[in-house]
PDB file of all heavy atoms in Angstrom:
ATOM      1  N   ARG A   1      11.054   0.963   0.642  1.00  0.00           N
ATOM      2  CA  ARG A   1      12.408   0.852   1.197  1.00  0.00           C
ATOM      3  C   ARG A   1      12.669  -0.549   1.738  1.00  0.00           C
ATOM      4  O   ARG A   1      13.731  -1.134   1.501  1.00  0.00           O
ATOM      5  CB  ARG A   1      12.616   1.888   2.306  1.00  0.00           C
ATOM      6  CG  ARG A   1      12.793   3.313   1.815  1.00  0.00           C
ATOM      7  CD  ARG A   1      13.412   4.192   2.882  1.00  0.00           C
ATOM      8  NE  ARG A   1      12.648   4.165   4.120  1.00  0.00           N
ATOM      9  CZ  ARG A   1      11.623   4.979   4.382  1.00  0.00           C
ATOM     10  NH1 ARG A   1      11.254   5.875   3.478  1.00  0.00           N
ATOM     11  NH2 ARG A   1      10.985   4.904   5.531  1.00  0.00           N
ATOM     12  N   ALA A   2      11.692  -1.092   2.485  1.00  0.00           N
ATOM     13  CA  ALA A   2      11.879  -2.419   3.086  1.00  0.00           C
ATOM     14  C   ALA A   2      11.996  -3.495   2.016  1.00  0.00           C
ATOM     15  O   ALA A   2      12.859  -4.378   2.087  1.00  0.00           O
ATOM     16  CB  ALA A   2      10.725  -2.725   4.038  1.00  0.00           C
ATOM     17  N   LEU A   3      11.134  -3.428   1.005  1.00  0.00           N
ATOM     18  CA  LEU A   3      11.150  -4.425  -0.059  1.00  0.00           C
ATOM     19  C   LEU A   3      12.472  -4.398  -0.827  1.00  0.00           C
ATOM     20  O   LEU A   3      13.078  -5.445  -1.088  1.00  0.00           O
ATOM     21  CB  LEU A   3       9.981  -4.195  -1.024  1.00  0.00           C
ATOM     22  CG  LEU A   3       8.601  -4.588  -0.492  1.00  0.00           C
ATOM     23  CD1 LEU A   3       7.493  -3.877  -1.268  1.00  0.00           C
ATOM     24  CD2 LEU A   3       8.406  -6.107  -0.550  1.00  0.00           C
ATOM     25  N   LEU A   4      12.949  -3.205  -1.179  1.00  0.00           N
ATOM     26  CA  LEU A   4      14.186  -3.096  -1.947  1.00  0.00           C
ATOM     27  C   LEU A   4      15.410  -3.427  -1.093  1.00  0.00           C
ATOM     28  O   LEU A   4      16.435  -3.882  -1.619  1.00  0.00           O
ATOM     29  CB  LEU A   4      14.315  -1.692  -2.543  1.00  0.00           C
ATOM     30  CG  LEU A   4      13.268  -1.354  -3.608  1.00  0.00           C
ATOM     31  CD1 LEU A   4      13.386   0.097  -4.055  1.00  0.00           C
ATOM     32  CD2 LEU A   4      13.390  -2.292  -4.818  1.00  0.00           C
ATOM     33  N   GLU A   5      15.287  -3.212   0.209  1.00  0.00           N
ATOM     34  CA  GLU A   5      16.381  -3.591   1.111  1.00  0.00           C
ATOM     35  C   GLU A   5      16.517  -5.110   1.168  1.00  0.00           C
ATOM     36  O   GLU A   5      17.620  -5.654   1.167  1.00  0.00           O
ATOM     37  CB  GLU A   5      16.111  -3.025   2.509  1.00  0.00           C
ATOM     38  CG  GLU A   5      17.219  -3.285   3.514  1.00  0.00           C
ATOM     39  CD  GLU A   5      16.886  -2.691   4.878  1.00  0.00           C
ATOM     40  OE1 GLU A   5      16.409  -1.542   4.937  1.00  0.00           O
ATOM     41  OE2 GLU A   5      17.093  -3.401   5.878  1.00  0.00           O
ATOM     42  N   VAL A   6      15.376  -5.794   1.210  1.00  0.00           N
ATOM     43  CA  VAL A   6      15.391  -7.254   1.279  1.00  0.00           C
ATOM     44  C   VAL A   6      15.774  -7.866  -0.074  1.00  0.00           C
ATOM     45  O   VAL A   6      16.528  -8.839  -0.138  1.00  0.00           O
ATOM     46  CB  VAL A   6      14.009  -7.786   1.733  1.00  0.00           C
ATOM     47  CG1 VAL A   6      13.992  -9.312   1.735  1.00  0.00           C
ATOM     48  CG2 VAL A   6      13.659  -7.263   3.127  1.00  0.00           C
ATOM     49  N   GLU A   7      15.225  -7.293  -1.155  1.00  0.00           N
ATOM     50  CA  GLU A   7      15.475  -7.838  -2.504  1.00  0.00           C
ATOM     51  C   GLU A   7      15.520  -6.684  -3.515  1.00  0.00           C
ATOM     52  O   GLU A   7      14.480  -6.213  -3.982  1.00  0.00           O
ATOM     53  CB  GLU A   7      14.388  -8.844  -2.882  1.00  0.00           C
ATOM     54  CG  GLU A   7      14.533  -9.438  -4.265  1.00  0.00           C
ATOM     55  CD  GLU A   7      15.945  -9.913  -4.557  1.00  0.00           C
ATOM     56  OE1 GLU A   7      16.364 -10.928  -3.973  1.00  0.00           O
ATOM     57  OE2 GLU A   7      16.635  -9.250  -5.358  1.00  0.00           O
ATOM     58  N   PRO A   8      16.739  -6.203  -3.856  1.00  0.00           N
ATOM     59  CA  PRO A   8      16.874  -5.016  -4.718  1.00  0.00           C
ATOM     60  C   PRO A   8      16.318  -5.179  -6.130  1.00  0.00           C
ATOM     61  O   PRO A   8      16.138  -4.171  -6.832  1.00  0.00           O
ATOM     62  CB  PRO A   8      18.394  -4.794  -4.763  1.00  0.00           C
ATOM     63  CG  PRO A   8      18.937  -5.492  -3.560  1.00  0.00           C
ATOM     64  CD  PRO A   8      18.046  -6.666  -3.342  1.00  0.00           C
ATOM     65  N   THR A   9      16.041  -6.410  -6.564  1.00  0.00           N
ATOM     66  CA  THR A   9      15.595  -6.608  -7.949  1.00  0.00           C
ATOM     67  C   THR A   9      14.080  -6.499  -8.129  1.00  0.00           C
ATOM     68  O   THR A   9      13.592  -6.533  -9.270  1.00  0.00           O
ATOM     69  CB  THR A   9      16.047  -7.986  -8.464  1.00  0.00           C
ATOM     70  OG1 THR A   9      15.386  -9.009  -7.710  1.00  0.00           O
ATOM     71  CG2 THR A   9      17.554  -8.154  -8.336  1.00  0.00           C
ATOM     72  N   VAL A  10      13.312  -6.385  -7.037  1.00  0.00           N
ATOM     73  CA  VAL A  10      11.853  -6.331  -7.195  1.00  0.00           C
ATOM     74  C   VAL A  10      11.421  -4.959  -7.705  1.00  0.00           C
ATOM     75  O   VAL A  10      12.114  -3.960  -7.534  1.00  0.00           O
ATOM     76  CB  VAL A  10      11.099  -6.650  -5.877  1.00  0.00           C
ATOM     77  CG1 VAL A  10      11.410  -8.055  -5.399  1.00  0.00           C
ATOM     78  CG2 VAL A  10      11.403  -5.618  -4.795  1.00  0.00           C
ATOM     79  N   GLN A  11      10.253  -4.935  -8.342  1.00  0.00           N
ATOM     80  CA  GLN A  11       9.610  -3.674  -8.723  1.00  0.00           C
ATOM     81  C   GLN A  11       8.412  -3.455  -7.792  1.00  0.00           C
ATOM     82  O   GLN A  11       7.685  -4.406  -7.461  1.00  0.00           O
ATOM     83  CB  GLN A  11       9.159  -3.727 -10.181  1.00  0.00           C
ATOM     84  CG  GLN A  11      10.313  -3.762 -11.167  1.00  0.00           C
ATOM     85  CD  GLN A  11       9.826  -3.838 -12.604  1.00  0.00           C
ATOM     86  OE1 GLN A  11       9.506  -4.912 -13.107  1.00  0.00           O
ATOM     87  NE2 GLN A  11       9.757  -2.696 -13.277  1.00  0.00           N
ATOM     88  N   VAL A  12       8.241  -2.206  -7.378  1.00  0.00           N
ATOM     89  CA  VAL A  12       7.236  -1.896  -6.360  1.00  0.00           C
ATOM     90  C   VAL A  12       6.355  -0.747  -6.822  1.00  0.00           C
ATOM     91  O   VAL A  12       6.850   0.285  -7.294  1.00  0.00           O
ATOM     92  CB  VAL A  12       7.909  -1.507  -5.017  1.00  0.00           C
ATOM     93  CG1 VAL A  12       6.847  -1.275  -3.943  1.00  0.00           C
ATOM     94  CG2 VAL A  12       8.906  -2.571  -4.574  1.00  0.00           C
ATOM     95  N   TRP A  13       5.048  -0.937  -6.684  1.00  0.00           N
ATOM     96  CA  TRP A  13       4.081   0.130  -6.948  1.00  0.00           C
ATOM     97  C   TRP A  13       3.183   0.269  -5.727  1.00  0.00           C
ATOM     98  O   TRP A  13       2.670  -0.728  -5.199  1.00  0.00           O
ATOM     99  CB  TRP A  13       3.229  -0.205  -8.179  1.00  0.00           C
ATOM    100  CG  TRP A  13       4.027  -0.251  -9.441  1.00  0.00           C
ATOM    101  CD1 TRP A  13       4.318   0.782 -10.283  1.00  0.00           C
ATOM    102  CD2 TRP A  13       4.652  -1.414 -10.015  1.00  0.00           C
ATOM    103  NE1 TRP A  13       5.076   0.340 -11.338  1.00  0.00           N
ATOM    104  CE2 TRP A  13       5.299  -1.001 -11.209  1.00  0.00           C
ATOM    105  CE3 TRP A  13       4.715  -2.763  -9.645  1.00  0.00           C
ATOM    106  CZ2 TRP A  13       5.997  -1.880 -12.015  1.00  0.00           C
ATOM    107  CZ3 TRP A  13       5.418  -3.651 -10.450  1.00  0.00           C
ATOM    108  CH2 TRP A  13       6.057  -3.211 -11.619  1.00  0.00           C
ATOM    109  N   GLN A  14       3.004   1.506  -5.273  1.00  0.00           N
ATOM    110  CA  GLN A  14       2.191   1.768  -4.084  1.00  0.00           C
ATOM    111  C   GLN A  14       0.960   2.589  -4.459  1.00  0.00           C
ATOM    112  O   GLN A  14       1.050   3.493  -5.292  1.00  0.00           O
ATOM    113  CB  GLN A  14       3.003   2.534  -3.037  1.00  0.00           C
ATOM    114  CG  GLN A  14       4.252   1.820  -2.574  1.00  0.00           C
ATOM    115  CD  GLN A  14       5.088   2.703  -1.654  1.00  0.00           C
ATOM    116  OE1 GLN A  14       5.164   2.470  -0.477  1.00  0.00           O
ATOM    117  NE2 GLN A  14       5.716   3.732  -2.213  1.00  0.00           N
ATOM    118  N   VAL A  15      -0.159   2.286  -3.803  1.00  0.00           N
ATOM    119  CA  VAL A  15      -1.381   3.056  -4.014  1.00  0.00           C
ATOM    120  C   VAL A  15      -1.935   3.486  -2.650  1.00  0.00           C
ATOM    121  O   VAL A  15      -2.062   2.666  -1.734  1.00  0.00           O
ATOM    122  CB  VAL A  15      -2.442   2.236  -4.783  1.00  0.00           C
ATOM    123  CG1 VAL A  15      -3.767   2.995  -4.840  1.00  0.00           C
ATOM    124  CG2 VAL A  15      -1.962   1.918  -6.191  1.00  0.00           C
ATOM    125  N   SER A  16      -2.238   4.754  -2.557  1.00  0.00           N
ATOM    126  CA  SER A  16      -2.865   5.290  -1.351  1.00  0.00           C
ATOM    127  C   SER A  16      -4.374   5.050  -1.415  1.00  0.00           C
ATOM    128  O   SER A  16      -5.009   5.346  -2.426  1.00  0.00           O
ATOM    129  CB  SER A  16      -2.572   6.796  -1.266  1.00  0.00           C
ATOM    130  OG  SER A  16      -3.344   7.400  -0.262  1.00  0.00           O
ATOM    131  N   CYS A  17      -4.940   4.512  -0.341  1.00  0.00           N
ATOM    132  CA  CYS A  17      -6.362   4.120  -0.322  1.00  0.00           C
ATOM    133  C   CYS A  17      -7.086   4.783   0.865  1.00  0.00           C
ATOM    134  O   CYS A  17      -7.465   4.094   1.830  1.00  0.00           O
ATOM    135  CB  CYS A  17      -6.484   2.605  -0.231  1.00  0.00           C
ATOM    136  SG  CYS A  17      -5.565   1.691  -1.482  1.00  0.00           S
ATOM    137  N   PRO A  18      -7.288   6.083   0.816  1.00  0.00           N
ATOM    138  CA  PRO A  18      -7.823   6.790   1.993  1.00  0.00           C
ATOM    139  C   PRO A  18      -9.218   6.368   2.426  1.00  0.00           C
ATOM    140  O   PRO A  18      -9.579   6.517   3.599  1.00  0.00           O
ATOM    141  CB  PRO A  18      -7.803   8.262   1.552  1.00  0.00           C
ATOM    142  CG  PRO A  18      -7.764   8.219   0.056  1.00  0.00           C
ATOM    143  CD  PRO A  18      -6.993   6.999  -0.300  1.00  0.00           C
ATOM    144  N   GLU A  19     -10.033   5.825   1.499  1.00  0.00           N
ATOM    145  CA  GLU A  19     -11.418   5.513   1.868  1.00  0.00           C
ATOM    146  C   GLU A  19     -11.595   4.136   2.499  1.00  0.00           C
ATOM    147  O   GLU A  19     -12.648   3.847   3.082  1.00  0.00           O
ATOM    148  CB  GLU A  19     -12.325   5.624   0.636  1.00  0.00           C
ATOM    149  CG  GLU A  19     -12.500   7.053   0.133  1.00  0.00           C
ATOM    150  CD  GLU A  19     -13.715   7.195  -0.773  1.00  0.00           C
ATOM    151  OE1 GLU A  19     -14.835   7.004  -0.286  1.00  0.00           O
ATOM    152  OE2 GLU A  19     -13.519   7.474  -1.966  1.00  0.00           O
ATOM    153  N   PHE A  20     -10.606   3.270   2.403  1.00  0.00           N
ATOM    154  CA  PHE A  20     -10.790   1.891   2.863  1.00  0.00           C
ATOM    155  C   PHE A  20     -11.055   1.790   4.373  1.00  0.00           C
ATOM    156  O   PHE A  20     -11.969   1.083   4.799  1.00  0.00           O
ATOM    157  CB  PHE A  20      -9.584   1.034   2.492  1.00  0.00           C
ATOM    158  CG  PHE A  20      -9.664   0.416   1.121  1.00  0.00           C
ATOM    159  CD1 PHE A  20      -8.562  -0.224   0.566  1.00  0.00           C
ATOM    160  CD2 PHE A  20     -10.832   0.458   0.376  1.00  0.00           C
ATOM    161  CE1 PHE A  20      -8.618  -0.813  -0.700  1.00  0.00           C
ATOM    162  CE2 PHE A  20     -10.911  -0.119  -0.896  1.00  0.00           C
ATOM    163  CZ  PHE A  20      -9.800  -0.752  -1.419  1.00  0.00           C
ATOM    164  N   VAL A  21     -10.247   2.454   5.187  1.00  0.00           N
ATOM    165  CA  VAL A  21     -10.422   2.332   6.647  1.00  0.00           C
ATOM    166  C   VAL A  21     -11.789   2.852   7.084  1.00  0.00           C
ATOM    167  O   VAL A  21     -12.513   2.159   7.818  1.00  0.00           O
ATOM    168  CB  VAL A  21      -9.277   3.025   7.416  1.00  0.00           C
ATOM    169  CG1 VAL A  21      -9.618   3.114   8.912  1.00  0.00           C
ATOM    170  CG2 VAL A  21      -7.978   2.252   7.224  1.00  0.00           C
ATOM    171  N   PRO A  22     -12.222   4.048   6.650  1.00  0.00           N
ATOM    172  CA  PRO A  22     -13.573   4.482   7.029  1.00  0.00           C
ATOM    173  C   PRO A  22     -14.663   3.517   6.571  1.00  0.00           C
ATOM    174  O   PRO A  22     -15.631   3.285   7.315  1.00  0.00           O
ATOM    175  CB  PRO A  22     -13.710   5.846   6.340  1.00  0.00           C
ATOM    176  CG  PRO A  22     -12.313   6.345   6.202  1.00  0.00           C
ATOM    177  CD  PRO A  22     -11.480   5.117   5.944  1.00  0.00           C
ATOM    178  N   LEU A  23     -14.525   2.932   5.377  1.00  0.00           N
ATOM    179  CA  LEU A  23     -15.534   1.997   4.891  1.00  0.00           C
ATOM    180  C   LEU A  23     -15.604   0.742   5.773  1.00  0.00           C
ATOM    181  O   LEU A  23     -16.695   0.239   6.074  1.00  0.00           O
ATOM    182  CB  LEU A  23     -15.245   1.606   3.438  1.00  0.00           C
ATOM    183  CG  LEU A  23     -15.545   2.681   2.389  1.00  0.00           C
ATOM    184  CD1 LEU A  23     -14.966   2.298   1.032  1.00  0.00           C
ATOM    185  CD2 LEU A  23     -17.044   2.941   2.274  1.00  0.00           C
ATOM    186  N   VAL A  24     -14.446   0.248   6.207  1.00  0.00           N
ATOM    187  CA  VAL A  24     -14.437  -0.913   7.106  1.00  0.00           C
ATOM    188  C   VAL A  24     -15.028  -0.544   8.457  1.00  0.00           C
ATOM    189  O   VAL A  24     -15.867  -1.270   9.010  1.00  0.00           O
ATOM    190  CB  VAL A  24     -13.000  -1.459   7.271  1.00  0.00           C
ATOM    191  CG1 VAL A  24     -12.957  -2.528   8.379  1.00  0.00           C
ATOM    192  CG2 VAL A  24     -12.491  -2.047   5.960  1.00  0.00           C
ATOM    193  N   GLU A  25     -14.604   0.593   9.000  1.00  0.00           N
ATOM    194  CA  GLU A  25     -15.064   1.004  10.328  1.00  0.00           C
ATOM    195  C   GLU A  25     -16.569   1.329  10.336  1.00  0.00           C
ATOM    196  O   GLU A  25     -17.217   1.238  11.371  1.00  0.00           O
ATOM    197  CB  GLU A  25     -14.269   2.212  10.831  1.00  0.00           C
ATOM    198  CG  GLU A  25     -12.810   1.901  11.161  1.00  0.00           C
ATOM    199  CD  GLU A  25     -12.638   1.105  12.454  1.00  0.00           C
ATOM    200  OE1 GLU A  25     -13.556   1.131  13.291  1.00  0.00           O
ATOM    201  OE2 GLU A  25     -11.587   0.450  12.610  1.00  0.00           O
ATOM    202  N   GLN A  26     -17.107   1.694   9.166  1.00  0.00           N
ATOM    203  CA  GLN A  26     -18.552   1.957   9.058  1.00  0.00           C
ATOM    204  C   GLN A  26     -19.331   0.711   8.639  1.00  0.00           C
ATOM    205  O   GLN A  26     -20.537   0.778   8.399  1.00  0.00           O
ATOM    206  CB  GLN A  26     -18.790   3.089   8.052  1.00  0.00           C
ATOM    207  CG  GLN A  26     -18.251   4.443   8.501  1.00  0.00           C
ATOM    208  CD  GLN A  26     -18.101   5.419   7.340  1.00  0.00           C
ATOM    209  OE1 GLN A  26     -18.687   5.242   6.275  1.00  0.00           O
ATOM    210  NE2 GLN A  26     -17.290   6.452   7.551  1.00  0.00           N
TER     211      GLN A  26
END
């Protein structure tokens, strides 16, 4: 939403990364 609000012409892909935070914290 924020990216398209600032610049409607961009294309956006999102990836959920559930393991990253535990790996950093460990």
